[in-house]
Amino acid sequence: MKVYVFGNIDVEGDNGAIEFAQKNKIEKIDFEFVDPNNDLPLSDKGVICILDTMMGIEEVTLFSEKDIDGLDLAPRVTGHDYDLGFQLKYLKKIGKIKKIRIIGVPMDKKKIDYERIIFILRKLV
């Protein structure tokens, strides 16, 4: 299963998901790192799975397509300010997202439960 990993390795609060994926090899999981300036590489086969650091959560949390509408969007001033949350809402609205699982990792690294991430990934395979 392919898991798209988002974040910015150079930003301390936004690199928890990337660091997890770099340090962990999990059977049947292929981590694909997505540049923060690129779009989500969509495939219409099965479930889209994303691992991303998220603001506003206190523990590792699994989200689905039903939760996309509730995502808060980052402030936008220019066309370059559209984040993953905006992209997901847009893709859902135009029917490009059928099934998605987002593993949200808290920004505070002390609250990242690595075993829970591994448990969720194994459950999704």
Protein backbone atom coordinates (compact mmCIF):
# COMPACT_ATOMS: atom_id res chain seq x y z
CA MET A 1 0.00 0.00 0.00
CA LYS A 2 1.24 3.45 -0.88
CA VAL A 3 1.15 6.08 1.88
CA TYR A 4 1.66 9.70 0.82
CA VAL A 5 3.69 11.59 3.42
CA PHE A 6 3.26 15.36 3.71
CA GLY A 7 5.06 18.01 5.72
CA ASN A 8 8.13 20.17 5.64
CA ILE A 9 11.34 18.58 6.94
CA ASP A 10 12.82 22.03 7.64
CA VAL A 11 9.96 23.19 9.90
CA GLU A 12 10.13 21.71 13.41
CA GLY A 13 6.35 21.65 13.96
CA ASP A 14 5.59 20.21 10.52
CA ASN A 15 8.07 17.36 10.20
CA GLY A 16 6.77 14.67 12.58
CA ALA A 17 5.14 12.57 9.84
CA ILE A 18 8.23 12.79 7.64
CA GLU A 19 10.57 11.78 10.46
CA PHE A 20 8.32 8.81 11.32
CA ALA A 21 8.31 7.59 7.71
CA GLN A 22 12.06 8.02 7.34
CA LYS A 23 12.79 5.99 10.48
CA ASN A 24 10.25 3.18 10.10
CA LYS A 25 10.09 0.39 7.55
CA ILE A 26 6.77 -1.43 7.65
CA GLU A 27 6.03 -4.51 5.59
CA LYS A 28 3.65 -3.86 2.67
CA ILE A 29 3.85 -0.06 3.20
CA ASP A 30 5.54 2.14 0.61
CA PHE A 31 6.02 5.70 1.87
CA GLU A 32 6.02 8.31 -0.89
CA PHE A 33 7.18 11.76 0.18
CA VAL A 34 5.22 14.59 -1.42
CA ASP A 35 6.84 18.00 -1.77
CA PRO A 36 4.75 20.60 0.11
CA ASN A 37 4.38 22.62 -3.11
CA ASN A 38 3.08 19.70 -5.18
CA ASP A 39 -0.41 18.35 -5.56
CA LEU A 40 -1.56 15.03 -4.17
CA PRO A 41 -0.66 12.39 -6.78
CA LEU A 42 -4.08 10.80 -7.19
CA SER A 43 -4.77 7.27 -8.21
CA ASP A 44 -8.31 6.02 -8.73
CA LYS A 45 -7.39 2.59 -7.37
CA GLY A 46 -8.68 1.89 -3.89
CA VAL A 47 -8.11 4.04 -0.84
CA ILE A 48 -5.84 7.08 -0.79
CA CYS A 49 -3.75 6.99 2.38
CA ILE A 50 -1.98 10.09 3.77
CA LEU A 51 0.34 10.61 6.73
CA ASP A 52 0.58 14.28 7.74
CA THR A 53 1.39 16.45 10.72
CA MET A 54 -1.74 18.34 11.78
CA MET A 55 -2.38 21.38 13.92
CA GLY A 56 -5.06 21.14 16.58
CA ILE A 57 -4.93 17.44 17.44
CA GLU A 58 -3.57 16.07 20.71
CA GLU A 59 -2.99 12.46 19.64
CA VAL A 60 -2.46 10.39 16.51
CA THR A 61 -5.89 10.35 14.83
CA LEU A 62 -7.35 8.52 11.84
CA PHE A 63 -9.62 10.57 9.56
CA SER A 64 -11.72 9.48 6.56
CA GLU A 65 -13.44 11.17 3.63
CA LYS A 66 -16.34 11.96 5.99
CA ASP A 67 -14.03 14.20 8.04
CA ILE A 68 -12.64 16.32 5.18
CA ASP A 69 -15.36 18.99 5.39
CA GLY A 70 -14.46 19.60 9.04
CA LEU A 71 -10.79 20.38 8.37
CA ASP A 72 -9.79 23.94 9.19
CA LEU A 73 -8.03 25.74 6.38
CA ALA A 74 -4.83 27.70 6.74
CA PRO A 75 -5.07 31.46 6.04
CA ARG A 76 -4.81 32.18 2.31
CA VAL A 77 -3.58 35.40 0.77
CA THR A 78 -2.22 34.31 -2.62
CA GLY A 79 -2.69 31.34 -4.94
CA HIS A 80 0.39 29.75 -3.38
CA ASP A 81 -1.22 29.51 0.06
CA TYR A 82 -3.49 26.55 -0.60
CA ASP A 83 -2.57 23.68 1.71
CA LEU A 84 -3.43 19.99 1.74
CA GLY A 85 -6.71 20.64 3.59
CA PHE A 86 -7.91 22.96 0.83
CA GLN A 87 -6.80 20.51 -1.85
CA LEU A 88 -8.67 17.63 -0.19
CA LYS A 89 -11.87 19.66 0.14
CA TYR A 90 -11.65 20.70 -3.50
CA LEU A 91 -10.94 17.16 -4.76
CA LYS A 92 -13.84 15.78 -2.71
CA LYS A 93 -16.18 18.46 -4.08
CA ILE A 94 -15.36 17.60 -7.71
CA GLY A 95 -15.65 13.86 -7.03
CA LYS A 96 -11.97 12.88 -7.29
CA ILE A 97 -11.84 11.48 -3.75
CA LYS A 98 -13.96 8.44 -3.03
CA LYS A 99 -12.14 6.82 -0.10
CA ILE A 100 -9.34 8.37 1.88
CA ARG A 101 -7.61 7.70 5.17
CA ILE A 102 -5.54 10.43 6.78
CA ILE A 103 -3.33 9.57 9.71
CA GLY A 104 -2.94 12.85 11.56
CA VAL A 105 0.20 13.28 13.64
CA PRO A 106 0.24 16.00 16.35
CA MET A 107 2.66 18.89 15.92
CA ASP A 108 4.00 18.36 19.44
CA LYS A 109 6.49 15.51 19.03
CA LYS A 110 6.11 14.52 22.69
CA LYS A 111 2.51 13.53 21.87
CA ILE A 112 3.33 11.35 18.86
CA ASP A 113 2.49 7.73 19.62
CA TYR A 114 4.63 5.83 17.09
CA GLU A 115 3.11 2.48 18.04
CA ARG A 116 -0.38 3.84 17.27
CA ILE A 117 0.76 4.98 13.81
CA ILE A 118 2.17 1.51 13.13
CA PHE A 119 -1.06 -0.10 14.44
CA ILE A 120 -3.22 2.07 12.15
CA LEU A 121 -1.03 1.39 9.11
CA ARG A 122 -1.09 -2.36 9.67
CA LYS A 123 -4.86 -2.24 10.10
CA LEU A 124 -5.22 -0.40 6.77
CA VAL A 125 -3.10 -2.88 4.78
